[in-house]
Amino acid sequence: MKDEMKGDIAARIAANPKYEKFVSLRSRYSIIMTILVMCVYYGYILLIAFNKEWLGTKLGAGMTTSIGIPMGVGVIVITIILTNIYVRRANTEFDELSAEIVKEANQ
C-alpha cells in the first residue's frame, strides 16, 4: 500500500511543470558552478605546468614567498566562496521550490 502511495506521489511530482523547471534550474546552476571551480583549479594547474618561472617569482626583495603561494591560497578561498554561494542558494531557493512541489503532489 505504501509503495503504491509513493509511486503515485512520485508520478504527480514528475508530472508537475514546476518540477521540470526545478530540475532544469538546479542542473544548469550546478553545471555553471562546477565549470567555475574547474576553471580555477585547472587554470592554476596549467599555470604551474606552463609558467613555473613566473609562479616562482619572489613577491619582493628579500622575501622568500613566491607568487605561487598566495595564488594557491586564492584557489582555496575562491572554492570556499563558490561552495558557500551554492549552498546558500540550495538551502533557500532550491529547498523552497522542492517543498512547494512536494506539497502540491500531496494535495
C-alpha atoms as a PDB file:
ATOM      1  CA  MET A   1       0.000   0.000   0.000  1.00  0.00           C
ATOM      2  CA  LYS A   2       2.786   2.429   0.936  1.00  0.00           C
ATOM      3  CA  ASP A   3       4.678   1.612  -2.267  1.00  0.00           C
ATOM      4  CA  GLU A   4       1.589   2.476  -4.312  1.00  0.00           C
ATOM      5  CA  MET A   5       1.260   5.810  -2.486  1.00  0.00           C
ATOM      6  CA  LYS A   6       4.927   6.594  -3.019  1.00  0.00           C
ATOM      7  CA  GLY A   7       4.643   5.719  -6.704  1.00  0.00           C
ATOM      8  CA  ASP A   8       1.537   7.888  -7.038  1.00  0.00           C
ATOM      9  CA  ILE A   9       3.210  10.860  -5.344  1.00  0.00           C
ATOM     10  CA  ALA A  10       6.341  10.388  -7.453  1.00  0.00           C
ATOM     11  CA  ALA A  11       4.217  10.344 -10.611  1.00  0.00           C
ATOM     12  CA  ARG A  12       2.424  13.550  -9.563  1.00  0.00           C
ATOM     13  CA  ILE A  13       5.756  15.225  -8.802  1.00  0.00           C
ATOM     14  CA  ALA A  14       7.178  14.198 -12.179  1.00  0.00           C
ATOM     15  CA  ALA A  15       4.052  15.493 -13.944  1.00  0.00           C
ATOM     16  CA  ASN A  16       4.242  18.894 -12.253  1.00  0.00           C
ATOM     17  CA  PRO A  17       5.612  21.570 -14.647  1.00  0.00           C
ATOM     18  CA  LYS A  18       7.348  23.216 -11.670  1.00  0.00           C
ATOM     19  CA  TYR A  19       9.365  20.024 -11.194  1.00  0.00           C
ATOM     20  CA  GLU A  20      10.738  20.193 -14.722  1.00  0.00           C
ATOM     21  CA  LYS A  21      11.641  23.852 -14.177  1.00  0.00           C
ATOM     22  CA  PHE A  22      13.227  22.983 -10.832  1.00  0.00           C
ATOM     23  CA  VAL A  23      15.379  20.187 -12.280  1.00  0.00           C
ATOM     24  CA  SER A  24      16.450  22.360 -15.207  1.00  0.00           C
ATOM     25  CA  LEU A  25      17.316  25.335 -12.993  1.00  0.00           C
ATOM     26  CA  ARG A  26      19.227  23.255 -10.454  1.00  0.00           C
ATOM     27  CA  SER A  27      21.123  21.330 -13.127  1.00  0.00           C
ATOM     28  CA  ARG A  28      22.094  24.466 -15.025  1.00  0.00           C
ATOM     29  CA  TYR A  29      23.256  26.155 -11.827  1.00  0.00           C
ATOM     30  CA  SER A  30      25.252  23.103 -10.741  1.00  0.00           C
ATOM     31  CA  ILE A  31      26.962  22.875 -14.118  1.00  0.00           C
ATOM     32  CA  ILE A  32      27.875  26.575 -14.074  1.00  0.00           C
ATOM     33  CA  MET A  33      29.313  26.353 -10.566  1.00  0.00           C
ATOM     34  CA  THR A  34      31.225  23.182 -11.463  1.00  0.00           C
ATOM     35  CA  ILE A  35      32.735  24.863 -14.522  1.00  0.00           C
ATOM     36  CA  LEU A  36      33.790  27.866 -12.431  1.00  0.00           C
ATOM     37  CA  VAL A  37      35.521  25.684  -9.838  1.00  0.00           C
ATOM     38  CA  MET A  38      37.199  23.592 -12.541  1.00  0.00           C
ATOM     39  CA  CYS A  39      38.449  26.720 -14.320  1.00  0.00           C
ATOM     40  CA  VAL A  40      40.021  27.963 -11.094  1.00  0.00           C
ATOM     41  CA  TYR A  41      41.661  24.622 -10.239  1.00  0.00           C
ATOM     42  CA  TYR A  42      42.770  23.656 -13.741  1.00  0.00           C
ATOM     43  CA  GLY A  43      43.840  27.213 -14.504  1.00  0.00           C
ATOM     44  CA  TYR A  44      46.184  27.077 -11.542  1.00  0.00           C
ATOM     45  CA  ILE A  45      47.485  23.633 -12.521  1.00  0.00           C
ATOM     46  CA  LEU A  46      48.058  24.793 -16.115  1.00  0.00           C
ATOM     47  CA  LEU A  47      49.887  27.834 -14.804  1.00  0.00           C
ATOM     48  CA  ILE A  48      52.124  25.535 -12.779  1.00  0.00           C
ATOM     49  CA  ALA A  49      52.705  23.334 -15.819  1.00  0.00           C
ATOM     50  CA  PHE A  50      53.451  26.072 -18.327  1.00  0.00           C
ATOM     51  CA  ASN A  51      54.760  29.068 -16.373  1.00  0.00           C
ATOM     52  CA  LYS A  52      56.719  27.786 -13.375  1.00  0.00           C
ATOM     53  CA  GLU A  53      59.226  30.594 -13.631  1.00  0.00           C
ATOM     54  CA  TRP A  54      56.581  33.302 -13.144  1.00  0.00           C
ATOM     55  CA  LEU A  55      54.977  31.446 -10.227  1.00  0.00           C
ATOM     56  CA  GLY A  56      58.409  31.108  -8.648  1.00  0.00           C
ATOM     57  CA  THR A  57      58.991  34.861  -8.774  1.00  0.00           C
ATOM     58  CA  LYS A  58      59.520  36.261  -5.278  1.00  0.00           C
ATOM     59  CA  LEU A  59      56.943  38.754  -4.037  1.00  0.00           C
ATOM     60  CA  GLY A  60      59.581  41.303  -3.125  1.00  0.00           C
ATOM     61  CA  ALA A  61      63.239  41.881  -2.463  1.00  0.00           C
ATOM     62  CA  GLY A  62      64.458  39.764   0.411  1.00  0.00           C
ATOM     63  CA  MET A  63      61.190  37.805   0.611  1.00  0.00           C
ATOM     64  CA  THR A  64      61.086  34.036   0.468  1.00  0.00           C
ATOM     65  CA  THR A  65      57.446  33.732  -0.574  1.00  0.00           C
ATOM     66  CA  SER A  66      56.758  33.368  -4.274  1.00  0.00           C
ATOM     67  CA  ILE A  67      53.709  34.423  -6.284  1.00  0.00           C
ATOM     68  CA  GLY A  68      52.501  30.818  -6.386  1.00  0.00           C
ATOM     69  CA  ILE A  69      51.803  30.635  -2.644  1.00  0.00           C
ATOM     70  CA  PRO A  70      49.148  33.395  -2.421  1.00  0.00           C
ATOM     71  CA  MET A  71      47.690  32.169  -5.700  1.00  0.00           C
ATOM     72  CA  GLY A  72      47.328  28.662  -4.247  1.00  0.00           C
ATOM     73  CA  VAL A  73      45.639  30.121  -1.173  1.00  0.00           C
ATOM     74  CA  GLY A  74      43.427  32.137  -3.536  1.00  0.00           C
ATOM     75  CA  VAL A  75      42.310  28.944  -5.265  1.00  0.00           C
ATOM     76  CA  ILE A  76      41.231  27.521  -1.910  1.00  0.00           C
ATOM     77  CA  VAL A  77      39.475  30.753  -0.866  1.00  0.00           C
ATOM     78  CA  ILE A  78      37.630  31.059  -4.202  1.00  0.00           C
ATOM     79  CA  THR A  79      36.495  27.432  -3.905  1.00  0.00           C
ATOM     80  CA  ILE A  80      35.168  28.060  -0.392  1.00  0.00           C
ATOM     81  CA  ILE A  81      33.333  31.183  -1.594  1.00  0.00           C
ATOM     82  CA  LEU A  82      31.779  29.386  -4.586  1.00  0.00           C
ATOM     83  CA  THR A  83      30.739  26.479  -2.352  1.00  0.00           C
ATOM     84  CA  ASN A  84      29.157  28.923   0.104  1.00  0.00           C
ATOM     85  CA  ILE A  85      27.240  30.624  -2.730  1.00  0.00           C
ATOM     86  CA  TYR A  86      25.967  27.266  -3.988  1.00  0.00           C
ATOM     87  CA  VAL A  87      24.938  26.031  -0.536  1.00  0.00           C
ATOM     88  CA  ARG A  88      23.081  29.262   0.271  1.00  0.00           C
ATOM     89  CA  ARG A  89      21.081  29.072  -2.947  1.00  0.00           C
ATOM     90  CA  ALA A  90      20.430  25.343  -2.492  1.00  0.00           C
ATOM     91  CA  ASN A  91      19.220  25.886   1.077  1.00  0.00           C
ATOM     92  CA  THR A  92      16.904  28.739   0.130  1.00  0.00           C
ATOM     93  CA  GLU A  93      15.576  28.832  -3.425  1.00  0.00           C
ATOM     94  CA  PHE A  94      16.009  25.139  -4.296  1.00  0.00           C
ATOM     95  CA  ASP A  95      14.645  23.866  -0.980  1.00  0.00           C
ATOM     96  CA  GLU A  96      11.636  26.196  -1.234  1.00  0.00           C
ATOM     97  CA  LEU A  97      10.855  25.039  -4.769  1.00  0.00           C
ATOM     98  CA  SER A  98      11.270  21.411  -3.765  1.00  0.00           C
ATOM     99  CA  ALA A  99       8.982  21.781  -0.748  1.00  0.00           C
ATOM    100  CA  GLU A 100       6.376  23.565  -2.874  1.00  0.00           C
ATOM    101  CA  ILE A 101       6.407  20.770  -5.470  1.00  0.00           C
ATOM    102  CA  VAL A 102       6.070  18.038  -2.813  1.00  0.00           C
ATOM    103  CA  LYS A 103       3.269  19.968  -1.098  1.00  0.00           C
ATOM    104  CA  GLU A 104       1.351  20.214  -4.379  1.00  0.00           C
ATOM    105  CA  ALA A 105       1.869  16.497  -5.018  1.00  0.00           C
ATOM    106  CA  ASN A 106       0.480  15.595  -1.595  1.00  0.00           C
ATOM    107  CA  GLN A 107      -2.747  17.546  -2.110  1.00  0.00           C
END
